[in-house]
Amino acid sequence: MNPFGIFVCILWGTVALFSVLSFVTVVHNNRRNLKRAQAVVIGKNVSPSGRTSTARASDAKTDYIILFSIGGVTRSLFAGQALYTDLQVGDHGTLSYRDGRVVGFTRAA
């Protein structure tokens, strides 16, 4: 095999190795700060969070905030629109959250 072929093989091997290591790091970090707790939904709020660079009224963004009681402590967390719409005040179950944002909520049976 010529030197250029060896160089290309080493280069592609290095790229593949770094790609796998990067993927493993991302998966590890995504699981790292996830917290779970029993919680009760005690309130819901929406708040405009500003506009995009186009400044059209139709581009206004909204923050969906859900208030939870976790072990007697009130905590407000950001949520996606679908979860915000689905949850109702009084729902109780297992809350999964990370960095001030709801990751999931499983209602108790």
PDB file of N, CA and C in Angstrom:
ATOM      1  N   MET A   1       0.852  -1.179   0.000  1.00  0.00           N
ATOM      2  CA  MET A   1       0.000   0.000   0.000  1.00  0.00           C
ATOM      3  C   MET A   1       0.895   1.238   0.000  1.00  0.00           C
ATOM      4  N   ASN A   2       0.502   2.212  -0.743  1.00  0.00           N
ATOM      5  CA  ASN A   2       1.320   3.422  -0.831  1.00  0.00           C
ATOM      6  C   ASN A   2       1.131   4.309   0.401  1.00  0.00           C
ATOM      7  N   PRO A   3       2.016   5.249   0.644  1.00  0.00           N
ATOM      8  CA  PRO A   3       1.935   6.113   1.834  1.00  0.00           C
ATOM      9  C   PRO A   3       0.652   6.940   1.884  1.00  0.00           C
ATOM     10  N   PHE A   4       0.145   7.360   0.716  1.00  0.00           N
ATOM     11  CA  PHE A   4      -1.092   8.145   0.720  1.00  0.00           C
ATOM     12  C   PHE A   4      -2.270   7.297   1.208  1.00  0.00           C
ATOM     13  N   GLY A   5      -2.338   6.049   0.805  1.00  0.00           N
ATOM     14  CA  GLY A   5      -3.400   5.145   1.247  1.00  0.00           C
ATOM     15  C   GLY A   5      -3.343   4.907   2.743  1.00  0.00           C
ATOM     16  N   ILE A   6      -2.157   4.775   3.286  1.00  0.00           N
ATOM     17  CA  ILE A   6      -1.988   4.593   4.737  1.00  0.00           C
ATOM     18  C   ILE A   6      -2.459   5.844   5.469  1.00  0.00           C
ATOM     19  N   PHE A   7      -2.076   7.011   4.935  1.00  0.00           N
ATOM     20  CA  PHE A   7      -2.494   8.273   5.548  1.00  0.00           C
ATOM     21  C   PHE A   7      -4.019   8.401   5.575  1.00  0.00           C
ATOM     22  N   VAL A   8      -4.675   8.060   4.471  1.00  0.00           N
ATOM     23  CA  VAL A   8      -6.142   8.139   4.382  1.00  0.00           C
ATOM     24  C   VAL A   8      -6.785   7.182   5.385  1.00  0.00           C
ATOM     25  N   CYS A   9      -6.259   5.974   5.512  1.00  0.00           N
ATOM     26  CA  CYS A   9      -6.803   5.010   6.480  1.00  0.00           C
ATOM     27  C   CYS A   9      -6.664   5.506   7.907  1.00  0.00           C
ATOM     28  N   ILE A  10      -5.524   6.065   8.230  1.00  0.00           N
ATOM     29  CA  ILE A  10      -5.314   6.606   9.585  1.00  0.00           C
ATOM     30  C   ILE A  10      -6.242   7.780   9.828  1.00  0.00           C
ATOM     31  N   LEU A  11      -6.392   8.655   8.835  1.00  0.00           N
ATOM     32  CA  LEU A  11      -7.274   9.814   8.970  1.00  0.00           C
ATOM     33  C   LEU A  11      -8.722   9.379   9.215  1.00  0.00           C
ATOM     34  N   TRP A  12      -9.232   8.452   8.410  1.00  0.00           N
ATOM     35  CA  TRP A  12     -10.617   7.986   8.582  1.00  0.00           C
ATOM     36  C   TRP A  12     -10.798   7.255   9.910  1.00  0.00           C
ATOM     37  N   GLY A  13      -9.815   6.514  10.342  1.00  0.00           N
ATOM     38  CA  GLY A  13      -9.887   5.845  11.642  1.00  0.00           C
ATOM     39  C   GLY A  13      -9.964   6.844  12.783  1.00  0.00           C
ATOM     40  N   THR A  14      -9.181   7.915  12.671  1.00  0.00           N
ATOM     41  CA  THR A  14      -9.208   8.969  13.695  1.00  0.00           C
ATOM     42  C   THR A  14     -10.561   9.667  13.720  1.00  0.00           C
ATOM     43  N   VAL A  15     -11.092   9.977  12.554  1.00  0.00           N
ATOM     44  CA  VAL A  15     -12.414  10.621  12.481  1.00  0.00           C
ATOM     45  C   VAL A  15     -13.478   9.715  13.083  1.00  0.00           C
ATOM     46  N   ALA A  16     -13.444   8.436  12.765  1.00  0.00           N
ATOM     47  CA  ALA A  16     -14.425   7.488  13.307  1.00  0.00           C
ATOM     48  C   ALA A  16     -14.304   7.394  14.828  1.00  0.00           C
ATOM     49  N   LEU A  17     -13.081   7.322  15.339  1.00  0.00           N
ATOM     50  CA  LEU A  17     -12.875   7.242  16.784  1.00  0.00           C
ATOM     51  C   LEU A  17     -13.420   8.467  17.498  1.00  0.00           C
ATOM     52  N   PHE A  18     -13.118   9.663  16.991  1.00  0.00           N
ATOM     53  CA  PHE A  18     -13.615  10.882  17.627  1.00  0.00           C
ATOM     54  C   PHE A  18     -15.134  10.999  17.518  1.00  0.00           C
ATOM     55  N   SER A  19     -15.714  10.512  16.442  1.00  0.00           N
ATOM     56  CA  SER A  19     -17.174  10.536  16.307  1.00  0.00           C
ATOM     57  C   SER A  19     -17.836   9.663  17.365  1.00  0.00           C
ATOM     58  N   VAL A  20     -17.305   8.478  17.564  1.00  0.00           N
ATOM     59  CA  VAL A  20     -17.860   7.574  18.578  1.00  0.00           C
ATOM     60  C   VAL A  20     -17.685   8.170  19.973  1.00  0.00           C
ATOM     61  N   LEU A  21     -16.513   8.702  20.268  1.00  0.00           N
ATOM     62  CA  LEU A  21     -16.280   9.308  21.587  1.00  0.00           C
ATOM     63  C   LEU A  21     -17.194  10.504  21.829  1.00  0.00           C
ATOM     64  N   SER A  22     -17.425  11.316  20.807  1.00  0.00           N
ATOM     65  CA  SER A  22     -18.334  12.466  20.947  1.00  0.00           C
ATOM     66  C   SER A  22     -19.756  12.001  21.228  1.00  0.00           C
ATOM     67  N   PHE A  23     -20.209  10.976  20.528  1.00  0.00           N
ATOM     68  CA  PHE A  23     -21.552  10.443  20.740  1.00  0.00           C
ATOM     69  C   PHE A  23     -21.712   9.920  22.168  1.00  0.00           C
ATOM     70  N   VAL A  24     -20.731   9.176  22.648  1.00  0.00           N
ATOM     71  CA  VAL A  24     -20.783   8.632  24.006  1.00  0.00           C
ATOM     72  C   VAL A  24     -20.817   9.766  25.035  1.00  0.00           C
ATOM     73  N   THR A  25     -20.059  10.818  24.812  1.00  0.00           N
ATOM     74  CA  THR A  25     -20.041  11.964  25.725  1.00  0.00           C
ATOM     75  C   THR A  25     -21.399  12.655  25.764  1.00  0.00           C
ATOM     76  N   VAL A  26     -22.020  12.850  24.617  1.00  0.00           N
ATOM     77  CA  VAL A  26     -23.333  13.500  24.567  1.00  0.00           C
ATOM     78  C   VAL A  26     -24.370  12.657  25.306  1.00  0.00           C
ATOM     79  N   VAL A  27     -24.394  11.366  25.067  1.00  0.00           N
ATOM     80  CA  VAL A  27     -25.348  10.487  25.744  1.00  0.00           C
ATOM     81  C   VAL A  27     -25.120  10.522  27.253  1.00  0.00           C
ATOM     82  N   HIS A  28     -23.890  10.479  27.676  1.00  0.00           N
ATOM     83  CA  HIS A  28     -23.573  10.515  29.108  1.00  0.00           C
ATOM     84  C   HIS A  28     -24.030  11.829  29.741  1.00  0.00           C
ATOM     85  N   ASN A  29     -23.754  12.952  29.087  1.00  0.00           N
ATOM     86  CA  ASN A  29     -24.144  14.259  29.642  1.00  0.00           C
ATOM     87  C   ASN A  29     -25.651  14.437  29.674  1.00  0.00           C
ATOM     88  N   ASN A  30     -26.372  13.875  28.715  1.00  0.00           N
ATOM     89  CA  ASN A  30     -27.826  13.999  28.702  1.00  0.00           C
ATOM     90  C   ASN A  30     -28.467  13.255  29.865  1.00  0.00           C
ATOM     91  N   ARG A  31     -27.835  12.213  30.349  1.00  0.00           N
ATOM     92  CA  ARG A  31     -28.390  11.438  31.458  1.00  0.00           C
ATOM     93  C   ARG A  31     -27.914  11.939  32.812  1.00  0.00           C
ATOM     94  N   ARG A  32     -26.872  12.730  32.816  1.00  0.00           N
ATOM     95  CA  ARG A  32     -26.173  13.084  34.037  1.00  0.00           C
ATOM     96  C   ARG A  32     -26.994  13.894  35.033  1.00  0.00           C
ATOM     97  N   ASN A  33     -27.613  14.953  34.611  1.00  0.00           N
ATOM     98  CA  ASN A  33     -28.292  15.860  35.534  1.00  0.00           C
ATOM     99  C   ASN A  33     -29.795  15.625  35.634  1.00  0.00           C
ATOM    100  N   LEU A  34     -30.281  14.525  35.102  1.00  0.00           N
ATOM    101  CA  LEU A  34     -31.708  14.239  35.145  1.00  0.00           C
ATOM    102  C   LEU A  34     -32.132  13.915  36.571  1.00  0.00           C
ATOM    103  N   LYS A  35     -33.163  14.611  37.036  1.00  0.00           N
ATOM    104  CA  LYS A  35     -33.681  14.377  38.388  1.00  0.00           C
ATOM    105  C   LYS A  35     -35.099  13.855  38.277  1.00  0.00           C
ATOM    106  N   ARG A  36     -35.470  12.990  39.222  1.00  0.00           N
ATOM    107  CA  ARG A  36     -36.830  12.448  39.276  1.00  0.00           C
ATOM    108  C   ARG A  36     -37.363  12.651  40.679  1.00  0.00           C
ATOM    109  N   ALA A  37     -38.651  12.974  40.764  1.00  0.00           N
ATOM    110  CA  ALA A  37     -39.264  13.183  42.070  1.00  0.00           C
ATOM    111  C   ALA A  37     -40.775  13.038  41.941  1.00  0.00           C
ATOM    112  N   GLN A  38     -41.410  12.675  43.051  1.00  0.00           N
ATOM    113  CA  GLN A  38     -42.869  12.670  43.102  1.00  0.00           C
ATOM    114  C   GLN A  38     -43.315  14.125  43.192  1.00  0.00           C
ATOM    115  N   ALA A  39     -44.301  14.491  42.385  1.00  0.00           N
ATOM    116  CA  ALA A  39     -44.713  15.888  42.319  1.00  0.00           C
ATOM    117  C   ALA A  39     -46.204  16.002  42.051  1.00  0.00           C
ATOM    118  N   VAL A  40     -46.742  17.181  42.383  1.00  0.00           N
ATOM    119  CA  VAL A  40     -48.144  17.510  42.117  1.00  0.00           C
ATOM    120  C   VAL A  40     -48.162  18.830  41.347  1.00  0.00           C
ATOM    121  N   VAL A  41     -48.952  18.893  40.278  1.00  0.00           N
ATOM    122  CA  VAL A  41     -49.109  20.138  39.520  1.00  0.00           C
ATOM    123  C   VAL A  41     -49.983  21.076  40.330  1.00  0.00           C
ATOM    124  N   ILE A  42     -49.467  22.256  40.658  1.00  0.00           N
ATOM    125  CA  ILE A  42     -50.245  23.198  41.471  1.00  0.00           C
ATOM    126  C   ILE A  42     -50.601  24.479  40.714  1.00  0.00           C
ATOM    127  N   GLY A  43     -50.068  24.639  39.512  1.00  0.00           N
ATOM    128  CA  GLY A  43     -50.408  25.824  38.731  1.00  0.00           C
ATOM    129  C   GLY A  43     -49.749  25.798  37.365  1.00  0.00           C
ATOM    130  N   LYS A  44     -50.278  26.650  36.476  1.00  0.00           N
ATOM    131  CA  LYS A  44     -49.741  26.763  35.126  1.00  0.00           C
ATOM    132  C   LYS A  44     -49.764  28.235  34.726  1.00  0.00           C
ATOM    133  N   ASN A  45     -48.712  28.671  34.026  1.00  0.00           N
ATOM    134  CA  ASN A  45     -48.630  30.047  33.540  1.00  0.00           C
ATOM    135  C   ASN A  45     -48.055  30.062  32.137  1.00  0.00           C
ATOM    136  N   VAL A  46     -48.435  31.074  31.364  1.00  0.00           N
ATOM    137  CA  VAL A  46     -47.777  31.325  30.086  1.00  0.00           C
ATOM    138  C   VAL A  46     -47.189  32.723  30.152  1.00  0.00           C
ATOM    139  N   SER A  47     -46.095  32.898  29.458  1.00  0.00           N
ATOM    140  CA  SER A  47     -45.424  34.184  29.484  1.00  0.00           C
ATOM    141  C   SER A  47     -44.801  34.436  28.121  1.00  0.00           C
ATOM    142  N   PRO A  48     -45.062  35.597  27.533  1.00  0.00           N
ATOM    143  CA  PRO A  48     -44.384  35.895  26.267  1.00  0.00           C
ATOM    144  C   PRO A  48     -42.887  36.034  26.517  1.00  0.00           C
ATOM    145  N   SER A  49     -42.089  35.431  25.641  1.00  0.00           N
ATOM    146  CA  SER A  49     -40.646  35.465  25.870  1.00  0.00           C
ATOM    147  C   SER A  49     -39.914  36.341  24.868  1.00  0.00           C
ATOM    148  N   GLY A  50     -40.640  37.154  24.134  1.00  0.00           N
ATOM    149  CA  GLY A  50     -39.999  38.029  23.156  1.00  0.00           C
ATOM    150  C   GLY A  50     -40.337  37.597  21.746  1.00  0.00           C
ATOM    151  N   ARG A  51     -39.714  38.236  20.810  1.00  0.00           N
ATOM    152  CA  ARG A  51     -39.977  37.956  19.398  1.00  0.00           C
ATOM    153  C   ARG A  51     -38.705  37.505  18.713  1.00  0.00           C
ATOM    154  N   THR A  52     -38.896  36.885  17.581  1.00  0.00           N
ATOM    155  CA  THR A  52     -37.739  36.471  16.791  1.00  0.00           C
ATOM    156  C   THR A  52     -37.217  37.671  16.019  1.00  0.00           C
ATOM    157  N   SER A  53     -36.186  37.494  15.265  1.00  0.00           N
ATOM    158  CA  SER A  53     -35.568  38.601  14.531  1.00  0.00           C
ATOM    159  C   SER A  53     -36.480  39.172  13.448  1.00  0.00           C
ATOM    160  N   THR A  54     -37.517  38.443  13.047  1.00  0.00           N
ATOM    161  CA  THR A  54     -38.401  38.964  11.998  1.00  0.00           C
ATOM    162  C   THR A  54     -39.373  39.997  12.545  1.00  0.00           C
ATOM    163  N   ALA A  55     -39.594  39.994  13.840  1.00  0.00           N
ATOM    164  CA  ALA A  55     -40.435  40.984  14.533  1.00  0.00           C
ATOM    165  C   ALA A  55     -41.880  41.021  14.037  1.00  0.00           C
ATOM    166  N   ARG A  56     -42.369  39.918  13.491  1.00  0.00           N
ATOM    167  CA  ARG A  56     -43.782  39.850  13.122  1.00  0.00           C
ATOM    168  C   ARG A  56     -44.563  39.351  14.325  1.00  0.00           C
ATOM    169  N   ALA A  57     -45.787  39.804  14.467  1.00  0.00           N
ATOM    170  CA  ALA A  57     -46.617  39.392  15.602  1.00  0.00           C
ATOM    171  C   ALA A  57     -46.827  37.878  15.607  1.00  0.00           C
ATOM    172  N   SER A  58     -46.883  37.269  14.447  1.00  0.00           N
ATOM    173  CA  SER A  58     -47.101  35.827  14.378  1.00  0.00           C
ATOM    174  C   SER A  58     -45.875  35.033  14.834  1.00  0.00           C
ATOM    175  N   ASP A  59     -44.736  35.696  14.962  1.00  0.00           N
ATOM    176  CA  ASP A  59     -43.509  35.032  15.381  1.00  0.00           C
ATOM    177  C   ASP A  59     -43.252  35.138  16.880  1.00  0.00           C
ATOM    178  N   ALA A  60     -44.197  35.710  17.625  1.00  0.00           N
ATOM    179  CA  ALA A  60     -44.007  35.848  19.068  1.00  0.00           C
ATOM    180  C   ALA A  60     -43.866  34.461  19.696  1.00  0.00           C
ATOM    181  N   LYS A  61     -42.957  34.353  20.644  1.00  0.00           N
ATOM    182  CA  LYS A  61     -42.735  33.079  21.324  1.00  0.00           C
ATOM    183  C   LYS A  61     -43.371  33.131  22.702  1.00  0.00           C
ATOM    184  N   THR A  62     -43.718  31.963  23.213  1.00  0.00           N
ATOM    185  CA  THR A  62     -44.359  31.857  24.514  1.00  0.00           C
ATOM    186  C   THR A  62     -43.604  30.846  25.357  1.00  0.00           C
ATOM    187  N   ASP A  63     -43.373  31.204  26.626  1.00  0.00           N
ATOM    188  CA  ASP A  63     -42.814  30.253  27.586  1.00  0.00           C
ATOM    189  C   ASP A  63     -43.978  29.594  28.309  1.00  0.00           C
ATOM    190  N   TYR A  64     -43.939  28.280  28.404  1.00  0.00           N
ATOM    191  CA  TYR A  64     -44.954  27.527  29.127  1.00  0.00           C
ATOM    192  C   TYR A  64     -44.335  27.097  30.450  1.00  0.00           C
ATOM    193  N   ILE A  65     -44.924  27.556  31.543  1.00  0.00           N
ATOM    194  CA  ILE A  65     -44.367  27.324  32.871  1.00  0.00           C
ATOM    195  C   ILE A  65     -45.376  26.548  33.704  1.00  0.00           C
ATOM    196  N   ILE A  66     -44.898  25.471  34.331  1.00  0.00           N
ATOM    197  CA  ILE A  66     -45.755  24.656  35.188  1.00  0.00           C
ATOM    198  C   ILE A  66     -45.193  24.721  36.601  1.00  0.00           C
ATOM    199  N   LEU A  67     -46.083  24.965  37.561  1.00  0.00           N
ATOM    200  CA  LEU A  67     -45.689  25.001  38.972  1.00  0.00           C
ATOM    201  C   LEU A  67     -45.946  23.635  39.590  1.00  0.00           C
ATOM    202  N   PHE A  68     -44.920  23.083  40.213  1.00  0.00           N
ATOM    203  CA  PHE A  68     -45.011  21.779  40.856  1.00  0.00           C
ATOM    204  C   PHE A  68     -44.742  21.918  42.345  1.00  0.00           C
ATOM    205  N   SER A  69     -45.392  21.066  43.128  1.00  0.00           N
ATOM    206  CA  SER A  69     -45.044  20.898  44.528  1.00  0.00           C
ATOM    207  C   SER A  69     -44.221  19.620  44.608  1.00  0.00           C
ATOM    208  N   ILE A  70     -42.943  19.783  44.986  1.00  0.00           N
ATOM    209  CA  ILE A  70     -42.031  18.646  45.090  1.00  0.00           C
ATOM    210  C   ILE A  70     -41.586  18.558  46.542  1.00  0.00           C
ATOM    211  N   GLY A  71     -42.112  17.593  47.259  1.00  0.00           N
ATOM    212  CA  GLY A  71     -41.760  17.449  48.672  1.00  0.00           C
ATOM    213  C   GLY A  71     -42.123  18.667  49.498  1.00  0.00           C
ATOM    214  N   GLY A  72     -43.205  19.327  49.158  1.00  0.00           N
ATOM    215  CA  GLY A  72     -43.648  20.501  49.895  1.00  0.00           C
ATOM    216  C   GLY A  72     -43.016  21.803  49.433  1.00  0.00           C
ATOM    217  N   VAL A  73     -42.104  21.733  48.488  1.00  0.00           N
ATOM    218  CA  VAL A  73     -41.440  22.931  47.958  1.00  0.00           C
ATOM    219  C   VAL A  73     -42.009  23.234  46.578  1.00  0.00           C
ATOM    220  N   THR A  74     -42.372  24.498  46.342  1.00  0.00           N
ATOM    221  CA  THR A  74     -42.909  24.891  45.045  1.00  0.00           C
ATOM    222  C   THR A  74     -41.761  25.169  44.090  1.00  0.00           C
ATOM    223  N   ARG A  75     -41.878  24.613  42.893  1.00  0.00           N
ATOM    224  CA  ARG A  75     -40.827  24.776  41.887  1.00  0.00           C
ATOM    225  C   ARG A  75     -41.486  25.075  40.554  1.00  0.00           C
ATOM    226  N   SER A  76     -41.042  26.115  39.866  1.00  0.00           N
ATOM    227  CA  SER A  76     -41.575  26.416  38.534  1.00  0.00           C
ATOM    228  C   SER A  76     -40.570  25.937  37.496  1.00  0.00           C
ATOM    229  N   LEU A  77     -41.083  25.215  36.496  1.00  0.00           N
ATOM    230  CA  LEU A  77     -40.242  24.627  35.458  1.00  0.00           C
ATOM    231  C   LEU A  77     -40.833  24.931  34.087  1.00  0.00           C
ATOM    232  N   PHE A  78     -39.954  25.164  33.126  1.00  0.00           N
ATOM    233  CA  PHE A  78     -40.400  25.355  31.752  1.00  0.00           C
ATOM    234  C   PHE A  78     -40.808  24.014  31.163  1.00  0.00           C
ATOM    235  N   ALA A  79     -41.814  24.058  30.275  1.00  0.00           N
ATOM    236  CA  ALA A  79     -42.298  22.833  29.629  1.00  0.00           C
ATOM    237  C   ALA A  79     -42.619  23.132  28.175  1.00  0.00           C
ATOM    238  N   GLY A  80     -42.714  22.086  27.390  1.00  0.00           N
ATOM    239  CA  GLY A  80     -43.159  22.229  26.011  1.00  0.00           C
ATOM    240  C   GLY A  80     -44.666  22.446  25.972  1.00  0.00           C
ATOM    241  N   GLN A  81     -45.152  22.963  24.863  1.00  0.00           N
ATOM    242  CA  GLN A  81     -46.575  23.270  24.731  1.00  0.00           C
ATOM    243  C   GLN A  81     -47.450  22.030  24.889  1.00  0.00           C
ATOM    244  N   ALA A  82     -47.043  20.903  24.329  1.00  0.00           N
ATOM    245  CA  ALA A  82     -47.861  19.685  24.404  1.00  0.00           C
ATOM    246  C   ALA A  82     -48.019  19.221  25.848  1.00  0.00           C
ATOM    247  N   LEU A  83     -46.928  19.193  26.609  1.00  0.00           N
ATOM    248  CA  LEU A  83     -47.012  18.773  28.007  1.00  0.00           C
ATOM    249  C   LEU A  83     -47.810  19.774  28.825  1.00  0.00           C
ATOM    250  N   TYR A  84     -47.602  21.057  28.558  1.00  0.00           N
ATOM    251  CA  TYR A  84     -48.341  22.106  29.259  1.00  0.00           C
ATOM    252  C   TYR A  84     -49.846  21.927  29.044  1.00  0.00           C
ATOM    253  N   THR A  85     -50.237  21.639  27.824  1.00  0.00           N
ATOM    254  CA  THR A  85     -51.653  21.457  27.505  1.00  0.00           C
ATOM    255  C   THR A  85     -52.200  20.185  28.143  1.00  0.00           C
ATOM    256  N   ASP A  86     -51.400  19.138  28.171  1.00  0.00           N
ATOM    257  CA  ASP A  86     -51.840  17.840  28.681  1.00  0.00           C
ATOM    258  C   ASP A  86     -52.021  17.827  30.198  1.00  0.00           C
ATOM    259  N   LEU A  87     -51.124  18.467  30.930  1.00  0.00           N
ATOM    260  CA  LEU A  87     -51.194  18.418  32.398  1.00  0.00           C
ATOM    261  C   LEU A  87     -52.264  19.365  32.928  1.00  0.00           C
ATOM    262  N   GLN A  88     -52.902  18.935  33.994  1.00  0.00           N
ATOM    263  CA  GLN A  88     -53.926  19.736  34.648  1.00  0.00           C
ATOM    264  C   GLN A  88     -53.544  19.935  36.114  1.00  0.00           C
ATOM    265  N   VAL A  89     -54.006  21.045  36.680  1.00  0.00           N
ATOM    266  CA  VAL A  89     -53.761  21.295  38.103  1.00  0.00           C
ATOM    267  C   VAL A  89     -54.358  20.135  38.897  1.00  0.00           C
ATOM    268  N   GLY A  90     -53.577  19.605  39.828  1.00  0.00           N
ATOM    269  CA  GLY A  90     -54.015  18.474  40.639  1.00  0.00           C
ATOM    270  C   GLY A  90     -53.427  17.145  40.197  1.00  0.00           C
ATOM    271  N   ASP A  91     -52.873  17.081  38.975  1.00  0.00           N
ATOM    272  CA  ASP A  91     -52.234  15.844  38.528  1.00  0.00           C
ATOM    273  C   ASP A  91     -51.050  15.536  39.432  1.00  0.00           C
ATOM    274  N   HIS A  92     -50.893  14.279  39.794  1.00  0.00           N
ATOM    275  CA  HIS A  92     -49.723  13.888  40.585  1.00  0.00           C
ATOM    276  C   HIS A  92     -49.082  12.660  39.958  1.00  0.00           C
ATOM    277  N   GLY A  93     -47.767  12.586  40.120  1.00  0.00           N
ATOM    278  CA  GLY A  93     -47.028  11.484  39.518  1.00  0.00           C
ATOM    279  C   GLY A  93     -45.541  11.708  39.651  1.00  0.00           C
ATOM    280  N   THR A  94     -44.793  11.073  38.754  1.00  0.00           N
ATOM    281  CA  THR A  94     -43.336  11.165  38.778  1.00  0.00           C
ATOM    282  C   THR A  94     -42.879  12.192  37.753  1.00  0.00           C
ATOM    283  N   LEU A  95     -42.167  13.191  38.236  1.00  0.00           N
ATOM    284  CA  LEU A  95     -41.645  14.271  37.409  1.00  0.00           C
ATOM    285  C   LEU A  95     -40.178  13.998  37.097  1.00  0.00           C
ATOM    286  N   SER A  96     -39.806  14.156  35.832  1.00  0.00           N
ATOM    287  CA  SER A  96     -38.401  14.104  35.423  1.00  0.00           C
ATOM    288  C   SER A  96     -38.044  15.495  34.910  1.00  0.00           C
ATOM    289  N   TYR A  97     -36.949  16.063  35.425  1.00  0.00           N
ATOM    290  CA  TYR A  97     -36.573  17.408  35.008  1.00  0.00           C
ATOM    291  C   TYR A  97     -35.061  17.589  35.042  1.00  0.00           C
ATOM    292  N   ARG A  98     -34.624  18.588  34.278  1.00  0.00           N
ATOM    293  CA  ARG A  98     -33.204  18.901  34.195  1.00  0.00           C
ATOM    294  C   ARG A  98     -33.057  20.384  33.879  1.00  0.00           C
ATOM    295  N   ASP A  99     -32.206  21.059  34.614  1.00  0.00           N
ATOM    296  CA  ASP A  99     -31.853  22.456  34.332  1.00  0.00           C
ATOM    297  C   ASP A  99     -33.075  23.362  34.171  1.00  0.00           C
ATOM    298  N   GLY A 100     -34.055  23.218  35.046  1.00  0.00           N
ATOM    299  CA  GLY A 100     -35.214  24.103  35.019  1.00  0.00           C
ATOM    300  C   GLY A 100     -36.234  23.789  33.949  1.00  0.00           C
ATOM    301  N   ARG A 101     -36.132  22.627  33.329  1.00  0.00           N
ATOM    302  CA  ARG A 101     -37.060  22.250  32.262  1.00  0.00           C
ATOM    303  C   ARG A 101     -37.597  20.846  32.493  1.00  0.00           C
ATOM    304  N   VAL A 102     -38.911  20.684  32.285  1.00  0.00           N
ATOM    305  CA  VAL A 102     -39.550  19.378  32.434  1.00  0.00           C
ATOM    306  C   VAL A 102     -39.111  18.497  31.271  1.00  0.00           C
ATOM    307  N   VAL A 103     -38.663  17.282  31.600  1.00  0.00           N
ATOM    308  CA  VAL A 103     -38.299  16.302  30.589  1.00  0.00           C
ATOM    309  C   VAL A 103     -39.465  15.339  30.385  1.00  0.00           C
ATOM    310  N   GLY A 104     -40.192  15.030  31.465  1.00  0.00           N
ATOM    311  CA  GLY A 104     -41.334  14.143  31.351  1.00  0.00           C
ATOM    312  C   GLY A 104     -42.130  14.109  32.638  1.00  0.00           C
ATOM    313  N   PHE A 105     -43.352  13.625  32.538  1.00  0.00           N
ATOM    314  CA  PHE A 105     -44.224  13.494  33.697  1.00  0.00           C
ATOM    315  C   PHE A 105     -45.073  12.253  33.489  1.00  0.00           C
ATOM    316  N   THR A 106     -45.023  11.333  34.454  1.00  0.00           N
ATOM    317  CA  THR A 106     -45.827  10.106  34.396  1.00  0.00           C
ATOM    318  C   THR A 106     -46.847  10.165  35.516  1.00  0.00           C
ATOM    319  N   ARG A 107     -48.116  10.180  35.156  1.00  0.00           N
ATOM    320  CA  ARG A 107     -49.171  10.237  36.173  1.00  0.00           C
ATOM    321  C   ARG A 107     -49.191   8.972  37.012  1.00  0.00           C
ATOM    322  N   ALA A 108     -49.495   9.132  38.310  1.00  0.00           N
ATOM    323  CA  ALA A 108     -49.643   7.987  39.201  1.00  0.00           C
ATOM    324  C   ALA A 108     -50.951   7.285  38.855  1.00  0.00           C
ATOM    325  N   ALA A 109     -50.967   5.983  39.023  1.00  0.00           N
ATOM    326  CA  ALA A 109     -52.175   5.204  38.714  1.00  0.00           C
ATOM    327  C   ALA A 109     -53.261   5.413  39.720  1.00  0.00           C
TER     328      ALA A 109
END
